[in-house]
Amino acid sequence: MASDDKVQTETEKKKKNKKINKMTLEEIEKKIQEVQQTQGGLSSIYARHLLRRREVLLGLKKEKGKP
């Protein structure tokens, strides 16, 4: 039984949502696509936060590219 509990907690950890500010650019893009398909648009607060974070990450990426 103890092994069953351990397996169950490991799967719960995998399913836990990751915070937006900890996501990579690729993860943000994936989530934006998922949200657009499931919610039918990008007007939700969650979608707007994802879009804002993507802009921040893209801005940081551009700044690193500058000499």
N, C-alpha and C. Protein backbone atom coordinates (compact mmCIF):
# COMPACT_ATOMS: atom_id res chain seq x y z
N MET A 1 0.80 -1.20 0.00
CA MET A 1 0.00 0.00 0.00
C MET A 1 0.85 1.27 0.00
N ALA A 2 1.98 1.23 0.66
CA ALA A 2 2.83 2.42 0.71
C ALA A 2 3.34 2.78 -0.68
N SER A 3 3.61 1.77 -1.50
CA SER A 3 4.09 2.04 -2.85
C SER A 3 2.98 2.67 -3.70
N ASP A 4 1.73 2.26 -3.48
CA ASP A 4 0.60 2.85 -4.20
C ASP A 4 0.45 4.33 -3.87
N ASP A 5 0.63 4.67 -2.60
CA ASP A 5 0.54 6.08 -2.18
C ASP A 5 1.66 6.89 -2.82
N LYS A 6 2.84 6.31 -2.90
CA LYS A 6 3.99 7.01 -3.49
C LYS A 6 3.75 7.28 -4.97
N VAL A 7 3.23 6.29 -5.68
CA VAL A 7 2.94 6.45 -7.11
C VAL A 7 1.88 7.52 -7.30
N GLN A 8 0.88 7.53 -6.44
CA GLN A 8 -0.21 8.49 -6.55
C GLN A 8 0.29 9.91 -6.32
N THR A 9 1.18 10.12 -5.34
CA THR A 9 1.68 11.47 -5.09
C THR A 9 2.59 11.93 -6.22
N GLU A 10 3.33 11.03 -6.84
CA GLU A 10 4.19 11.40 -7.97
C GLU A 10 3.36 11.86 -9.16
N THR A 11 2.24 11.20 -9.42
CA THR A 11 1.40 11.61 -10.55
C THR A 11 0.73 12.94 -10.24
N GLU A 12 0.38 13.18 -8.99
CA GLU A 12 -0.21 14.46 -8.62
C GLU A 12 0.79 15.59 -8.81
N LYS A 13 2.04 15.36 -8.51
CA LYS A 13 3.07 16.38 -8.69
C LYS A 13 3.24 16.72 -10.17
N LYS A 14 3.17 15.73 -11.02
CA LYS A 14 3.32 15.96 -12.45
C LYS A 14 2.16 16.77 -13.01
N LYS A 15 0.96 16.58 -12.47
CA LYS A 15 -0.22 17.26 -12.97
C LYS A 15 -0.31 18.70 -12.47
N LYS A 16 0.43 19.03 -11.41
CA LYS A 16 0.33 20.37 -10.84
C LYS A 16 0.75 21.41 -11.86
N ASN A 17 -0.02 22.48 -11.94
CA ASN A 17 0.27 23.53 -12.89
C ASN A 17 1.52 24.28 -12.50
N LYS A 18 2.26 24.69 -13.50
CA LYS A 18 3.48 25.44 -13.28
C LYS A 18 3.14 26.93 -13.30
N LYS A 19 3.78 27.69 -12.45
CA LYS A 19 3.52 29.13 -12.41
C LYS A 19 4.01 29.77 -13.71
N ILE A 20 3.29 30.78 -14.14
CA ILE A 20 3.59 31.44 -15.41
C ILE A 20 5.00 32.02 -15.41
N ASN A 21 5.42 32.62 -14.31
CA ASN A 21 6.73 33.25 -14.29
C ASN A 21 7.87 32.23 -14.22
N LYS A 22 7.57 30.95 -14.08
CA LYS A 22 8.59 29.89 -14.09
C LYS A 22 8.64 29.17 -15.43
N MET A 23 7.72 29.47 -16.33
CA MET A 23 7.64 28.78 -17.63
C MET A 23 8.67 29.33 -18.60
N THR A 24 9.10 28.45 -19.49
CA THR A 24 9.98 28.88 -20.57
C THR A 24 9.13 29.42 -21.71
N LEU A 25 9.78 30.01 -22.69
CA LEU A 25 9.07 30.57 -23.84
C LEU A 25 8.30 29.48 -24.58
N GLU A 26 8.90 28.29 -24.73
CA GLU A 26 8.22 27.20 -25.42
C GLU A 26 6.97 26.76 -24.67
N GLU A 27 7.08 26.68 -23.34
CA GLU A 27 5.93 26.29 -22.53
C GLU A 27 4.81 27.33 -22.61
N ILE A 28 5.19 28.60 -22.63
CA ILE A 28 4.21 29.68 -22.75
C ILE A 28 3.47 29.55 -24.08
N GLU A 29 4.22 29.34 -25.16
CA GLU A 29 3.60 29.21 -26.49
C GLU A 29 2.62 28.03 -26.52
N LYS A 30 3.00 26.90 -25.91
CA LYS A 30 2.14 25.73 -25.87
C LYS A 30 0.85 26.02 -25.12
N LYS A 31 0.99 26.67 -23.97
CA LYS A 31 -0.18 27.00 -23.15
C LYS A 31 -1.10 27.97 -23.87
N ILE A 32 -0.52 28.93 -24.58
CA ILE A 32 -1.35 29.88 -25.34
C ILE A 32 -2.20 29.12 -26.36
N GLN A 33 -1.58 28.17 -27.06
CA GLN A 33 -2.32 27.37 -28.04
C GLN A 33 -3.43 26.57 -27.37
N GLU A 34 -3.12 25.95 -26.22
CA GLU A 34 -4.11 25.16 -25.50
C GLU A 34 -5.29 26.04 -25.05
N VAL A 35 -4.96 27.19 -24.50
CA VAL A 35 -6.01 28.10 -24.00
C VAL A 35 -6.88 28.58 -25.15
N GLN A 36 -6.27 28.89 -26.26
CA GLN A 36 -7.03 29.38 -27.41
C GLN A 36 -8.01 28.31 -27.90
N GLN A 37 -7.57 27.07 -27.91
CA GLN A 37 -8.44 25.99 -28.37
C GLN A 37 -9.54 25.67 -27.36
N THR A 38 -9.20 25.62 -26.07
CA THR A 38 -10.18 25.22 -25.07
C THR A 38 -11.15 26.34 -24.72
N GLN A 39 -10.66 27.57 -24.64
CA GLN A 39 -11.51 28.67 -24.23
C GLN A 39 -12.06 29.47 -25.40
N GLY A 40 -11.59 29.17 -26.58
CA GLY A 40 -12.12 29.84 -27.77
C GLY A 40 -11.60 31.24 -27.98
N GLY A 41 -10.52 31.59 -27.36
CA GLY A 41 -9.95 32.92 -27.54
C GLY A 41 -8.91 33.21 -26.48
N LEU A 42 -8.48 34.46 -26.48
CA LEU A 42 -7.44 34.86 -25.54
C LEU A 42 -7.90 36.02 -24.66
N SER A 43 -9.17 36.05 -24.33
CA SER A 43 -9.70 37.17 -23.56
C SER A 43 -9.70 36.91 -22.05
N SER A 44 -9.40 35.69 -21.62
CA SER A 44 -9.41 35.39 -20.19
C SER A 44 -8.20 36.03 -19.50
N ILE A 45 -8.29 36.16 -18.21
CA ILE A 45 -7.18 36.74 -17.44
C ILE A 45 -5.94 35.86 -17.58
N TYR A 46 -6.12 34.54 -17.51
CA TYR A 46 -4.99 33.61 -17.65
C TYR A 46 -4.30 33.78 -19.00
N ALA A 47 -5.09 33.89 -20.05
CA ALA A 47 -4.53 34.06 -21.39
C ALA A 47 -3.78 35.39 -21.49
N ARG A 48 -4.35 36.44 -20.92
CA ARG A 48 -3.68 37.74 -20.96
C ARG A 48 -2.37 37.73 -20.19
N HIS A 49 -2.32 37.00 -19.08
CA HIS A 49 -1.08 36.86 -18.33
C HIS A 49 -0.03 36.11 -19.13
N LEU A 50 -0.48 35.05 -19.83
CA LEU A 50 0.45 34.30 -20.68
C LEU A 50 1.02 35.20 -21.78
N LEU A 51 0.16 35.99 -22.41
CA LEU A 51 0.61 36.88 -23.48
C LEU A 51 1.60 37.93 -22.95
N ARG A 52 1.30 38.46 -21.77
CA ARG A 52 2.19 39.46 -21.18
C ARG A 52 3.55 38.84 -20.85
N ARG A 53 3.55 37.62 -20.33
CA ARG A 53 4.81 36.95 -20.00
C ARG A 53 5.61 36.65 -21.27
N ARG A 54 4.91 36.29 -22.34
CA ARG A 54 5.59 36.02 -23.61
C ARG A 54 6.29 37.29 -24.10
N GLU A 55 5.62 38.43 -23.99
CA GLU A 55 6.22 39.69 -24.41
C GLU A 55 7.46 40.01 -23.58
N VAL A 56 7.39 39.74 -22.29
CA VAL A 56 8.54 39.99 -21.41
C VAL A 56 9.71 39.10 -21.81
N LEU A 57 9.43 37.81 -22.03
CA LEU A 57 10.50 36.90 -22.41
C LEU A 57 11.11 37.25 -23.77
N LEU A 58 10.27 37.66 -24.70
CA LEU A 58 10.78 38.06 -26.01
C LEU A 58 11.62 39.34 -25.89
N GLY A 59 11.22 40.24 -25.02
CA GLY A 59 11.99 41.46 -24.79
C GLY A 59 13.34 41.17 -24.18
N LEU A 60 13.38 40.23 -23.25
CA LEU A 60 14.65 39.85 -22.63
C LEU A 60 15.56 39.18 -23.65
N LYS A 61 14.96 38.40 -24.52
CA LYS A 61 15.73 37.69 -25.54
C LYS A 61 16.38 38.70 -26.50
N LYS A 62 15.63 39.76 -26.86
CA LYS A 62 16.16 40.79 -27.76
C LYS A 62 17.28 41.57 -27.09
N GLU A 63 17.12 41.86 -25.80
CA GLU A 63 18.15 42.62 -25.08
C GLU A 63 19.45 41.84 -24.99
N LYS A 64 19.37 40.54 -24.83
CA LYS A 64 20.58 39.70 -24.77
C LYS A 64 21.31 39.69 -26.11
N GLY A 65 20.57 39.81 -27.19
CA GLY A 65 21.15 39.79 -28.51
C GLY A 65 21.89 41.06 -28.87
N LYS A 66 21.60 42.16 -28.18
CA LYS A 66 22.25 43.43 -28.46
C LYS A 66 23.66 43.45 -27.85
N PRO A 67 24.62 44.04 -28.56
CA PRO A 67 25.99 44.10 -28.02
C PRO A 67 26.16 45.15 -26.96
